[in-house]
PDB file of N, CA and C in Angstrom:
ATOM      1  N   MET A   1      93.241  33.668  -0.585  1.00  0.00           N
ATOM      2  CA  MET A   1      94.569  33.411  -0.552  1.00  0.00           C
ATOM      3  C   MET A   1      95.306  34.332  -1.387  1.00  0.00           C
ATOM      4  N   THR A   2      96.661  34.719  -0.772  1.00  0.00           N
ATOM      5  CA  THR A   2      97.496  35.793  -1.106  1.00  0.00           C
ATOM      6  C   THR A   2      98.658  35.046  -1.852  1.00  0.00           C
ATOM      7  N   ARG A   3      99.146  35.605  -2.978  1.00  0.00           N
ATOM      8  CA  ARG A   3     100.281  35.005  -3.464  1.00  0.00           C
ATOM      9  C   ARG A   3     101.315  36.265  -3.820  1.00  0.00           C
ATOM     10  N   LYS A   4     102.653  35.967  -3.204  1.00  0.00           N
ATOM     11  CA  LYS A   4     103.777  37.046  -3.366  1.00  0.00           C
ATOM     12  C   LYS A   4     104.728  36.439  -4.545  1.00  0.00           C
ATOM     13  N   ILE A   5     104.911  37.294  -5.410  1.00  0.00           N
ATOM     14  CA  ILE A   5     105.795  36.854  -6.456  1.00  0.00           C
ATOM     15  C   ILE A   5     107.033  37.846  -6.609  1.00  0.00           C
ATOM     16  N   LEU A   6     107.907  37.056  -6.702  1.00  0.00           N
ATOM     17  CA  LEU A   6     109.339  37.903  -6.692  1.00  0.00           C
ATOM     18  C   LEU A   6     109.121  38.243  -8.423  1.00  0.00           C
ATOM     19  N   LEU A   7     109.366  39.553  -8.636  1.00  0.00           N
ATOM     20  CA  LEU A   7     109.163  39.953 -10.035  1.00  0.00           C
ATOM     21  C   LEU A   7     110.576  40.824 -10.255  1.00  0.00           C
ATOM     22  N   ILE A   8     111.213  40.225 -11.502  1.00  0.00           N
ATOM     23  CA  ILE A   8     112.379  41.048 -11.879  1.00  0.00           C
ATOM     24  C   ILE A   8     112.270  41.332 -13.458  1.00  0.00           C
ATOM     25  N   SER A   9     111.954  42.573 -13.490  1.00  0.00           N
ATOM     26  CA  SER A   9     111.698  43.137 -14.959  1.00  0.00           C
ATOM     27  C   SER A   9     112.045  44.834 -14.839  1.00  0.00           C
ATOM     28  N   GLY A  10     112.640  45.339 -15.861  1.00  0.00           N
ATOM     29  CA  GLY A  10     112.889  46.796 -16.215  1.00  0.00           C
ATOM     30  C   GLY A  10     111.556  46.965 -17.136  1.00  0.00           C
ATOM     31  N   ASP A  11     110.855  46.089 -17.519  1.00  0.00           N
ATOM     32  CA  ASP A  11     110.064  46.478 -18.646  1.00  0.00           C
ATOM     33  C   ASP A  11     108.835  47.303 -18.115  1.00  0.00           C
ATOM     34  N   LYS A  12     108.531  48.468 -18.125  1.00  0.00           N
ATOM     35  CA  LYS A  12     107.329  49.076 -17.506  1.00  0.00           C
ATOM     36  C   LYS A  12     106.360  48.652 -18.254  1.00  0.00           C
ATOM     37  N   ASN A  13     105.808  48.492 -19.418  1.00  0.00           N
ATOM     38  CA  ASN A  13     104.812  47.983 -20.213  1.00  0.00           C
ATOM     39  C   ASN A  13     104.437  46.438 -19.493  1.00  0.00           C
ATOM     40  N   PHE A  14     105.265  45.881 -19.458  1.00  0.00           N
ATOM     41  CA  PHE A  14     104.998  44.490 -18.904  1.00  0.00           C
ATOM     42  C   PHE A  14     104.537  44.353 -17.443  1.00  0.00           C
ATOM     43  N   LYS A  15     105.181  45.211 -16.696  1.00  0.00           N
ATOM     44  CA  LYS A  15     104.581  45.374 -15.181  1.00  0.00           C
ATOM     45  C   LYS A  15     103.477  46.136 -15.277  1.00  0.00           C
ATOM     46  N   ASP A  16     102.877  47.090 -16.009  1.00  0.00           N
ATOM     47  CA  ASP A  16     101.779  47.669 -16.211  1.00  0.00           C
ATOM     48  C   ASP A  16     100.786  46.797 -16.509  1.00  0.00           C
ATOM     49  N   TYR A  17     101.200  45.838 -17.786  1.00  0.00           N
ATOM     50  CA  TYR A  17     100.092  44.827 -17.827  1.00  0.00           C
ATOM     51  C   TYR A  17      99.961  43.791 -16.660  1.00  0.00           C
ATOM     52  N   LEU A  18     101.011  43.578 -15.955  1.00  0.00           N
ATOM     53  CA  LEU A  18     100.864  42.741 -14.589  1.00  0.00           C
ATOM     54  C   LEU A  18      99.739  43.092 -13.592  1.00  0.00           C
ATOM     55  N   ASN A  19     100.092  44.457 -13.577  1.00  0.00           N
ATOM     56  CA  ASN A  19      99.255  45.416 -12.684  1.00  0.00           C
ATOM     57  C   ASN A  19      97.597  45.064 -12.984  1.00  0.00           C
ATOM     58  N   ILE A  20      97.313  45.403 -14.432  1.00  0.00           N
ATOM     59  CA  ILE A  20      95.928  45.021 -14.941  1.00  0.00           C
ATOM     60  C   ILE A  20      95.503  43.969 -14.428  1.00  0.00           C
ATOM     61  N   VAL A  21      96.197  42.931 -15.076  1.00  0.00           N
ATOM     62  CA  VAL A  21      95.965  41.563 -14.840  1.00  0.00           C
ATOM     63  C   VAL A  21      95.750  41.218 -13.249  1.00  0.00           C
ATOM     64  N   THR A  22      96.395  41.454 -12.542  1.00  0.00           N
ATOM     65  CA  THR A  22      96.273  41.265 -10.875  1.00  0.00           C
ATOM     66  C   THR A  22      95.006  42.094 -10.376  1.00  0.00           C
ATOM     67  N   LEU A  23      94.615  43.423 -10.659  1.00  0.00           N
ATOM     68  CA  LEU A  23      93.287  43.765 -10.682  1.00  0.00           C
ATOM     69  C   LEU A  23      91.966  43.191 -10.844  1.00  0.00           C
ATOM     70  N   THR A  24      92.208  42.128 -12.130  1.00  0.00           N
ATOM     71  CA  THR A  24      91.122  41.297 -12.470  1.00  0.00           C
ATOM     72  C   THR A  24      91.069  40.216 -11.762  1.00  0.00           C
ATOM     73  N   ILE A  25      92.123  39.917 -11.155  1.00  0.00           N
ATOM     74  CA  ILE A  25      92.275  38.318 -10.429  1.00  0.00           C
ATOM     75  C   ILE A  25      91.761  38.833  -9.100  1.00  0.00           C
ATOM     76  N   THR A  26      92.132  39.988  -8.653  1.00  0.00           N
ATOM     77  CA  THR A  26      91.632  40.392  -7.187  1.00  0.00           C
ATOM     78  C   THR A  26      90.283  40.367  -7.123  1.00  0.00           C
ATOM     79  N   LYS A  27      89.507  40.891  -8.211  1.00  0.00           N
ATOM     80  CA  LYS A  27      88.035  40.806  -8.275  1.00  0.00           C
ATOM     81  C   LYS A  27      87.549  39.257  -8.256  1.00  0.00           C
ATOM     82  N   LEU A  28      88.324  38.516  -8.493  1.00  0.00           N
ATOM     83  CA  LEU A  28      88.055  37.014  -8.204  1.00  0.00           C
ATOM     84  C   LEU A  28      88.290  36.443  -6.963  1.00  0.00           C
ATOM     85  N   ASN A  29      88.579  37.165  -5.999  1.00  0.00           N
ATOM     86  CA  ASN A  29      89.000  36.934  -4.632  1.00  0.00           C
ATOM     87  C   ASN A  29      90.434  36.393  -4.685  1.00  0.00           C
ATOM     88  N   HIS A  30      91.292  36.378  -5.399  1.00  0.00           N
ATOM     89  CA  HIS A  30      92.609  36.177  -5.244  1.00  0.00           C
ATOM     90  C   HIS A  30      93.727  37.378  -5.249  1.00  0.00           C
ATOM     91  N   GLN A  31      94.169  37.578  -4.123  1.00  0.00           N
ATOM     92  CA  GLN A  31      95.323  38.414  -4.062  1.00  0.00           C
ATOM     93  C   GLN A  31      96.531  38.194  -4.395  1.00  0.00           C
ATOM     94  N   ILE A  32      97.475  39.191  -5.173  1.00  0.00           N
ATOM     95  CA  ILE A  32      98.466  38.968  -5.871  1.00  0.00           C
ATOM     96  C   ILE A  32      99.230  40.421  -5.391  1.00  0.00           C
ATOM     97  N   THR A  33     100.671  39.966  -4.853  1.00  0.00           N
ATOM     98  CA  THR A  33     101.523  41.128  -4.560  1.00  0.00           C
ATOM     99  C   THR A  33     102.754  40.834  -5.487  1.00  0.00           C
ATOM    100  N   PHE A  34     103.458  41.814  -5.794  1.00  0.00           N
ATOM    101  CA  PHE A  34     104.835  41.919  -6.402  1.00  0.00           C
ATOM    102  C   PHE A  34     105.855  42.205  -5.659  1.00  0.00           C
ATOM    103  N   THR A  35     107.043  41.614  -5.270  1.00  0.00           N
ATOM    104  CA  THR A  35     108.452  42.431  -4.856  1.00  0.00           C
ATOM    105  C   THR A  35     109.405  42.113  -5.755  1.00  0.00           C
ATOM    106  N   ASP A  36     110.286  43.076  -5.594  1.00  0.00           N
ATOM    107  CA  ASP A  36     111.588  42.820  -6.181  1.00  0.00           C
ATOM    108  C   ASP A  36     113.049  42.671  -5.281  1.00  0.00           C
ATOM    109  N   ASP A  37     112.437  41.999  -3.886  1.00  0.00           N
ATOM    110  CA  ASP A  37     113.361  41.734  -2.717  1.00  0.00           C
ATOM    111  C   ASP A  37     113.691  40.479  -3.067  1.00  0.00           C
ATOM    112  N   GLU A  38     115.077  40.200  -3.799  1.00  0.00           N
ATOM    113  CA  GLU A  38     115.536  38.848  -3.941  1.00  0.00           C
ATOM    114  C   GLU A  38     115.742  38.246  -2.747  1.00  0.00           C
ATOM    115  N   SER A  39     115.837  38.833  -1.387  1.00  0.00           N
ATOM    116  CA  SER A  39     116.117  37.978  -0.387  1.00  0.00           C
ATOM    117  C   SER A  39     114.794  37.690   0.407  1.00  0.00           C
ATOM    118  N   ASP A  40     113.711  38.013  -0.150  1.00  0.00           N
ATOM    119  CA  ASP A  40     112.320  37.835   0.523  1.00  0.00           C
ATOM    120  C   ASP A  40     112.484  36.260   0.273  1.00  0.00           C
ATOM    121  N   LYS A  41     111.847  35.688   1.667  1.00  0.00           N
ATOM    122  CA  LYS A  41     112.017  34.113   1.583  1.00  0.00           C
ATOM    123  C   LYS A  41     110.215  33.688   1.474  1.00  0.00           C
ATOM    124  N   TYR A  42     109.369  34.632   1.314  1.00  0.00           N
ATOM    125  CA  TYR A  42     108.108  34.355   1.284  1.00  0.00           C
ATOM    126  C   TYR A  42     107.468  34.417   0.301  1.00  0.00           C
ATOM    127  N   THR A  43     108.286  34.425  -0.728  1.00  0.00           N
ATOM    128  CA  THR A  43     107.569  34.507  -2.255  1.00  0.00           C
ATOM    129  C   THR A  43     107.348  32.968  -2.692  1.00  0.00           C
ATOM    130  N   ASP A  44     106.150  32.984  -3.494  1.00  0.00           N
ATOM    131  CA  ASP A  44     105.828  31.796  -3.957  1.00  0.00           C
ATOM    132  C   ASP A  44     106.319  31.091  -5.227  1.00  0.00           C
ATOM    133  N   PHE A  45     106.785  32.185  -6.261  1.00  0.00           N
ATOM    134  CA  PHE A  45     107.750  31.738  -7.176  1.00  0.00           C
ATOM    135  C   PHE A  45     108.212  33.048  -7.989  1.00  0.00           C
ATOM    136  N   ILE A  46     109.007  32.684  -9.005  1.00  0.00           N
ATOM    137  CA  ILE A  46     110.027  33.996  -9.510  1.00  0.00           C
ATOM    138  C   ILE A  46     109.556  34.217 -10.863  1.00  0.00           C
ATOM    139  N   LEU A  47     109.074  35.429 -11.140  1.00  0.00           N
ATOM    140  CA  LEU A  47     108.989  35.814 -12.502  1.00  0.00           C
ATOM    141  C   LEU A  47     110.079  36.722 -13.161  1.00  0.00           C
ATOM    142  N   LEU A  48     110.751  36.207 -14.094  1.00  0.00           N
ATOM    143  CA  LEU A  48     111.845  36.782 -14.534  1.00  0.00           C
ATOM    144  C   LEU A  48     111.957  37.147 -15.972  1.00  0.00           C
ATOM    145  N   ASP A  49     112.137  38.270 -16.316  1.00  0.00           N
ATOM    146  CA  ASP A  49     112.014  39.072 -17.561  1.00  0.00           C
ATOM    147  C   ASP A  49     113.597  38.901 -17.913  1.00  0.00           C
ATOM    148  N   LEU A  50     113.623  38.104 -19.176  1.00  0.00           N
ATOM    149  CA  LEU A  50     114.825  38.068 -19.817  1.00  0.00           C
ATOM    150  C   LEU A  50     115.323  39.227 -20.800  1.00  0.00           C
ATOM    151  N   ASP A  51     114.465  39.795 -21.239  1.00  0.00           N
ATOM    152  CA  ASP A  51     114.807  41.144 -22.199  1.00  0.00           C
ATOM    153  C   ASP A  51     115.992  42.332 -21.791  1.00  0.00           C
ATOM    154  N   ASP A  52     115.757  42.415 -20.402  1.00  0.00           N
ATOM    155  CA  ASP A  52     116.580  43.440 -19.896  1.00  0.00           C
ATOM    156  C   ASP A  52     118.173  43.164 -20.233  1.00  0.00           C
ATOM    157  N   ASP A  53     118.668  41.976 -19.770  1.00  0.00           N
ATOM    158  CA  ASP A  53     120.044  41.850 -19.811  1.00  0.00           C
ATOM    159  C   ASP A  53     120.310  40.253 -19.873  1.00  0.00           C
ATOM    160  N   PHE A  54     120.208  39.468 -21.046  1.00  0.00           N
ATOM    161  CA  PHE A  54     119.725  38.139 -21.155  1.00  0.00           C
ATOM    162  C   PHE A  54     121.027  37.632 -20.271  1.00  0.00           C
ATOM    163  N   ASN A  55     122.472  37.725 -20.694  1.00  0.00           N
ATOM    164  CA  ASN A  55     123.567  37.042 -19.681  1.00  0.00           C
ATOM    165  C   ASN A  55     123.462  37.150 -18.375  1.00  0.00           C
ATOM    166  N   LYS A  56     122.885  38.395 -17.915  1.00  0.00           N
ATOM    167  CA  LYS A  56     123.025  38.647 -16.523  1.00  0.00           C
ATOM    168  C   LYS A  56     121.888  37.823 -15.556  1.00  0.00           C
ATOM    169  N   ARG A  57     120.763  37.677 -16.476  1.00  0.00           N
ATOM    170  CA  ARG A  57     119.540  37.119 -16.130  1.00  0.00           C
ATOM    171  C   ARG A  57     120.010  35.704 -16.094  1.00  0.00           C
ATOM    172  N   LEU A  58     120.427  35.208 -16.943  1.00  0.00           N
ATOM    173  CA  LEU A  58     120.751  33.461 -16.868  1.00  0.00           C
ATOM    174  C   LEU A  58     121.696  33.268 -15.717  1.00  0.00           C
ATOM    175  N   GLU A  59     122.703  34.356 -15.226  1.00  0.00           N
ATOM    176  CA  GLU A  59     123.682  34.349 -14.122  1.00  0.00           C
ATOM    177  C   GLU A  59     122.695  34.305 -12.642  1.00  0.00           C
ATOM    178  N   LEU A  60     121.853  34.936 -12.759  1.00  0.00           N
ATOM    179  CA  LEU A  60     120.778  35.358 -11.586  1.00  0.00           C
ATOM    180  C   LEU A  60     120.156  33.973 -11.448  1.00  0.00           C
ATOM    181  N   ILE A  61     119.551  33.266 -12.895  1.00  0.00           N
ATOM    182  CA  ILE A  61     118.677  31.901 -12.448  1.00  0.00           C
ATOM    183  C   ILE A  61     119.827  30.930 -11.901  1.00  0.00           C
ATOM    184  N   LYS A  62     120.901  30.999 -12.252  1.00  0.00           N
ATOM    185  CA  LYS A  62     121.939  30.010 -11.723  1.00  0.00           C
ATOM    186  C   LYS A  62     122.395  30.430 -10.296  1.00  0.00           C
ATOM    187  N   LYS A  63     122.273  31.568  -9.931  1.00  0.00           N
ATOM    188  CA  LYS A  63     122.356  31.923  -8.442  1.00  0.00           C
ATOM    189  C   LYS A  63     121.265  31.651  -7.623  1.00  0.00           C
ATOM    190  N   PHE A  64     120.116  31.790  -8.310  1.00  0.00           N
ATOM    191  CA  PHE A  64     118.935  31.195  -7.537  1.00  0.00           C
ATOM    192  C   PHE A  64     118.958  29.785  -7.049  1.00  0.00           C
ATOM    193  N   ARG A  65     119.152  29.160  -8.275  1.00  0.00           N
ATOM    194  CA  ARG A  65     119.365  27.490  -7.899  1.00  0.00           C
ATOM    195  C   ARG A  65     120.420  27.287  -7.206  1.00  0.00           C
ATOM    196  N   SER A  66     121.499  27.965  -6.846  1.00  0.00           N
ATOM    197  CA  SER A  66     122.392  27.470  -6.127  1.00  0.00           C
ATOM    198  C   SER A  66     122.536  27.777  -4.629  1.00  0.00           C
ATOM    199  N   GLU A  67     122.090  28.898  -4.458  1.00  0.00           N
ATOM    200  CA  GLU A  67     122.007  29.343  -3.185  1.00  0.00           C
ATOM    201  C   GLU A  67     120.746  29.561  -2.578  1.00  0.00           C
ATOM    202  N   GLY A  68     120.716  29.406  -1.216  1.00  0.00           N
ATOM    203  CA  GLY A  68     119.731  29.254  -0.071  1.00  0.00           C
ATOM    204  C   GLY A  68     118.211  29.780  -0.337  1.00  0.00           C
ATOM    205  N   LEU A  69     117.760  30.859  -0.302  1.00  0.00           N
ATOM    206  CA  LEU A  69     116.529  31.147  -0.161  1.00  0.00           C
ATOM    207  C   LEU A  69     115.673  31.040  -1.411  1.00  0.00           C
ATOM    208  N   GLN A  70     115.897  31.302  -2.464  1.00  0.00           N
ATOM    209  CA  GLN A  70     115.368  31.044  -3.618  1.00  0.00           C
ATOM    210  C   GLN A  70     115.693  29.433  -4.386  1.00  0.00           C
ATOM    211  N   SER A  71     116.193  28.667  -3.549  1.00  0.00           N
ATOM    212  CA  SER A  71     116.819  27.588  -4.675  1.00  0.00           C
ATOM    213  C   SER A  71     115.752  26.362  -4.907  1.00  0.00           C
ATOM    214  N   ASN A  72     114.532  26.705  -4.011  1.00  0.00           N
ATOM    215  CA  ASN A  72     113.264  25.874  -4.160  1.00  0.00           C
ATOM    216  C   ASN A  72     112.351  26.448  -5.003  1.00  0.00           C
ATOM    217  N   LYS A  73     112.272  27.280  -5.382  1.00  0.00           N
ATOM    218  CA  LYS A  73     111.109  28.364  -6.100  1.00  0.00           C
ATOM    219  C   LYS A  73     111.081  27.843  -7.483  1.00  0.00           C
ATOM    220  N   LYS A  74     110.012  28.019  -7.936  1.00  0.00           N
ATOM    221  CA  LYS A  74     109.593  27.800  -9.349  1.00  0.00           C
ATOM    222  C   LYS A  74     110.062  29.189 -10.041  1.00  0.00           C
ATOM    223  N   ILE A  75     110.528  28.884 -11.050  1.00  0.00           N
ATOM    224  CA  ILE A  75     111.523  30.212 -12.019  1.00  0.00           C
ATOM    225  C   ILE A  75     110.415  30.066 -13.181  1.00  0.00           C
ATOM    226  N   ILE A  76     109.632  31.285 -13.555  1.00  0.00           N
ATOM    227  CA  ILE A  76     109.264  31.333 -14.861  1.00  0.00           C
ATOM    228  C   ILE A  76     109.750  32.422 -15.609  1.00  0.00           C
ATOM    229  N   SER A  77     110.285  32.117 -16.668  1.00  0.00           N
ATOM    230  CA  SER A  77     111.044  33.415 -17.650  1.00  0.00           C
ATOM    231  C   SER A  77     110.057  33.687 -18.699  1.00  0.00           C
ATOM    232  N   VAL A  78     110.201  34.824 -19.174  1.00  0.00           N
ATOM    233  CA  VAL A  78     109.615  35.457 -20.281  1.00  0.00           C
ATOM    234  C   VAL A  78     110.921  36.079 -21.075  1.00  0.00           C
ATOM    235  N   LYS A  79     110.518  36.379 -22.485  1.00  0.00           N
ATOM    236  CA  LYS A  79     111.404  37.237 -23.321  1.00  0.00           C
ATOM    237  C   LYS A  79     110.531  37.432 -24.619  1.00  0.00           C
ATOM    238  N   SER A  80     110.536  38.326 -25.231  1.00  0.00           N
ATOM    239  CA  SER A  80     109.791  38.885 -26.365  1.00  0.00           C
ATOM    240  C   SER A  80     110.122  37.698 -27.470  1.00  0.00           C
ATOM    241  N   ASP A  81     111.384  37.453 -27.786  1.00  0.00           N
ATOM    242  CA  ASP A  81     111.880  36.690 -29.071  1.00  0.00           C
ATOM    243  C   ASP A  81     112.894  35.371 -28.335  1.00  0.00           C
ATOM    244  N   LEU A  82     112.136  34.215 -28.503  1.00  0.00           N
ATOM    245  CA  LEU A  82     112.795  33.090 -28.171  1.00  0.00           C
ATOM    246  C   LEU A  82     113.548  32.127 -29.361  1.00  0.00           C
ATOM    247  N   THR A  83     114.055  32.833 -30.148  1.00  0.00           N
ATOM    248  CA  THR A  83     114.512  32.266 -31.475  1.00  0.00           C
ATOM    249  C   THR A  83     116.004  31.822 -30.995  1.00  0.00           C
ATOM    250  N   GLY A  84     116.723  30.900 -31.922  1.00  0.00           N
ATOM    251  CA  GLY A  84     117.888  30.647 -31.875  1.00  0.00           C
ATOM    252  C   GLY A  84     118.491  29.719 -30.331  1.00  0.00           C
ATOM    253  N   GLY A  85     117.733  29.035 -30.083  1.00  0.00           N
ATOM    254  CA  GLY A  85     118.248  28.065 -28.919  1.00  0.00           C
ATOM    255  C   GLY A  85     117.946  28.640 -27.672  1.00  0.00           C
ATOM    256  N   ILE A  86     117.357  29.814 -27.585  1.00  0.00           N
ATOM    257  CA  ILE A  86     117.345  30.414 -26.084  1.00  0.00           C
ATOM    258  C   ILE A  86     116.490  29.622 -25.011  1.00  0.00           C
ATOM    259  N   ARG A  87     115.523  29.077 -25.395  1.00  0.00           N
ATOM    260  CA  ARG A  87     114.737  28.107 -24.399  1.00  0.00           C
ATOM    261  C   ARG A  87     116.073  27.099 -23.916  1.00  0.00           C
ATOM    262  N   GLU A  88     116.682  26.538 -24.696  1.00  0.00           N
ATOM    263  CA  GLU A  88     117.537  25.647 -23.929  1.00  0.00           C
ATOM    264  C   GLU A  88     118.585  26.114 -23.320  1.00  0.00           C
ATOM    265  N   GLU A  89     119.245  27.154 -23.498  1.00  0.00           N
ATOM    266  CA  GLU A  89     120.011  27.931 -22.492  1.00  0.00           C
ATOM    267  C   GLU A  89     119.252  28.157 -21.430  1.00  0.00           C
ATOM    268  N   VAL A  90     118.091  28.660 -21.404  1.00  0.00           N
ATOM    269  CA  VAL A  90     117.441  29.188 -20.170  1.00  0.00           C
ATOM    270  C   VAL A  90     117.002  27.915 -19.342  1.00  0.00           C
ATOM    271  N   PHE A  91     116.545  26.861 -19.749  1.00  0.00           N
ATOM    272  CA  PHE A  91     116.097  25.484 -19.116  1.00  0.00           C
ATOM    273  C   PHE A  91     117.534  25.077 -18.721  1.00  0.00           C
ATOM    274  N   ALA A  92     118.678  24.991 -19.337  1.00  0.00           N
ATOM    275  CA  ALA A  92     120.192  24.498 -18.794  1.00  0.00           C
ATOM    276  C   ALA A  92     120.522  25.486 -17.569  1.00  0.00           C
ATOM    277  N   ALA A  93     120.154  26.712 -17.530  1.00  0.00           N
ATOM    278  CA  ALA A  93     120.524  27.403 -16.439  1.00  0.00           C
ATOM    279  C   ALA A  93     119.744  27.116 -15.046  1.00  0.00           C
ATOM    280  N   GLY A  94     118.414  26.410 -15.354  1.00  0.00           N
ATOM    281  CA  GLY A  94     117.734  25.916 -14.120  1.00  0.00           C
ATOM    282  C   GLY A  94     116.292  26.496 -14.105  1.00  0.00           C
ATOM    283  N   CYS A  95     116.042  27.339 -15.214  1.00  0.00           N
ATOM    284  CA  CYS A  95     114.375  27.779 -15.052  1.00  0.00           C
ATOM    285  C   CYS A  95     113.483  26.667 -15.381  1.00  0.00           C
ATOM    286  N   ASP A  96     112.294  26.764 -14.448  1.00  0.00           N
ATOM    287  CA  ASP A  96     111.254  25.729 -14.705  1.00  0.00           C
ATOM    288  C   ASP A  96     110.575  26.062 -15.990  1.00  0.00           C
ATOM    289  N   SER A  97     110.314  27.264 -16.487  1.00  0.00           N
ATOM    290  CA  SER A  97     109.623  27.718 -17.432  1.00  0.00           C
ATOM    291  C   SER A  97     110.100  28.585 -18.393  1.00  0.00           C
ATOM    292  N   VAL A  98     109.934  28.493 -19.698  1.00  0.00           N
ATOM    293  CA  VAL A  98     110.503  29.613 -20.692  1.00  0.00           C
ATOM    294  C   VAL A  98     109.407  29.818 -21.514  1.00  0.00           C
ATOM    295  N   MET A  99     108.631  31.018 -21.699  1.00  0.00           N
ATOM    296  CA  MET A  99     107.641  31.467 -22.830  1.00  0.00           C
ATOM    297  C   MET A  99     108.163  32.785 -23.322  1.00  0.00           C
ATOM    298  N   SER A 100     107.501  33.099 -24.439  1.00  0.00           N
ATOM    299  CA  SER A 100     107.381  34.355 -24.688  1.00  0.00           C
ATOM    300  C   SER A 100     106.444  35.422 -24.260  1.00  0.00           C
ATOM    301  N   LYS A 101     106.575  36.612 -24.377  1.00  0.00           N
ATOM    302  CA  LYS A 101     105.661  37.257 -23.481  1.00  0.00           C
ATOM    303  C   LYS A 101     104.392  37.344 -24.115  1.00  0.00           C
ATOM    304  N   ASP A 102     104.204  36.895 -25.272  1.00  0.00           N
ATOM    305  CA  ASP A 102     102.899  36.732 -25.823  1.00  0.00           C
ATOM    306  C   ASP A 102     101.944  35.616 -25.184  1.00  0.00           C
ATOM    307  N   GLU A 103     102.962  34.432 -25.262  1.00  0.00           N
ATOM    308  CA  GLU A 103     102.690  33.293 -24.405  1.00  0.00           C
ATOM    309  C   GLU A 103     102.183  33.672 -23.051  1.00  0.00           C
ATOM    310  N   PHE A 104     102.933  34.320 -22.651  1.00  0.00           N
ATOM    311  CA  PHE A 104     102.509  34.503 -20.945  1.00  0.00           C
ATOM    312  C   PHE A 104     101.416  35.350 -20.762  1.00  0.00           C
ATOM    313  N   ARG A 105     101.183  36.353 -21.877  1.00  0.00           N
ATOM    314  CA  ARG A 105     100.033  36.889 -21.805  1.00  0.00           C
ATOM    315  C   ARG A 105      98.673  36.031 -21.730  1.00  0.00           C
ATOM    316  N   LYS A 106      98.579  35.221 -22.796  1.00  0.00           N
ATOM    317  CA  LYS A 106      97.589  34.362 -23.044  1.00  0.00           C
ATOM    318  C   LYS A 106      97.424  33.394 -21.723  1.00  0.00           C
ATOM    319  N   ALA A 107      98.430  33.005 -20.940  1.00  0.00           N
ATOM    320  CA  ALA A 107      98.112  32.379 -19.630  1.00  0.00           C
ATOM    321  C   ALA A 107      98.318  32.977 -18.639  1.00  0.00           C
ATOM    322  N   ALA A 108      98.305  34.477 -18.366  1.00  0.00           N
ATOM    323  CA  ALA A 108      98.640  34.996 -17.103  1.00  0.00           C
ATOM    324  C   ALA A 108      97.949  34.902 -15.997  1.00  0.00           C
ATOM    325  N   ASN A 109      96.336  34.857 -16.375  1.00  0.00           N
ATOM    326  CA  ASN A 109      95.531  34.524 -15.249  1.00  0.00           C
ATOM    327  C   ASN A 109      95.817  33.470 -14.569  1.00  0.00           C
ATOM    328  N   ASN A 110      95.907  32.135 -15.152  1.00  0.00           N
ATOM    329  CA  ASN A 110      96.273  30.942 -14.609  1.00  0.00           C
ATOM    330  C   ASN A 110      97.615  30.825 -13.798  1.00  0.00           C
ATOM    331  N   ILE A 111      98.536  31.395 -14.462  1.00  0.00           N
ATOM    332  CA  ILE A 111      99.836  31.182 -13.955  1.00  0.00           C
ATOM    333  C   ILE A 111      99.919  31.978 -12.738  1.00  0.00           C
ATOM    334  N   LEU A 112      99.207  33.384 -12.576  1.00  0.00           N
ATOM    335  CA  LEU A 112      99.586  34.004 -11.304  1.00  0.00           C
ATOM    336  C   LEU A 112      98.674  33.368 -10.304  1.00  0.00           C
ATOM    337  N   ILE A 113      97.496  33.066 -10.363  1.00  0.00           N
ATOM    338  CA  ILE A 113      96.682  32.396  -9.539  1.00  0.00           C
ATOM    339  C   ILE A 113      97.121  30.954  -8.877  1.00  0.00           C
ATOM    340  N   TYR A 114      97.565  30.120  -9.753  1.00  0.00           N
ATOM    341  CA  TYR A 114      98.132  28.715  -9.479  1.00  0.00           C
ATOM    342  C   TYR A 114      99.471  28.735  -9.513  1.00  0.00           C
TER     343      TYR A 114
END
């Protein structure tokens, strides 16, 4: 089974980590590919890094929820620091799951496979 994930992140370390995880998963007979093409209708879900530009990313979540190709996709957001009501704000924008990058790293294999 191949999964295609729309990845929106400018964090090189996070992307490198995801590449390592996908190599491990590939050895378990699961194929995962990442794309940054927001118009790709064949993605399984969206993985969104909120560290880059938080307000811009919130608007992107709202755009995904209101428009065409990505409106029905699951959106998982990650951010280094989730203090100060950030989770609530991200959920209100339409995100399905919000977690810290540390939380994501602990569950990455399961999230990417299923």
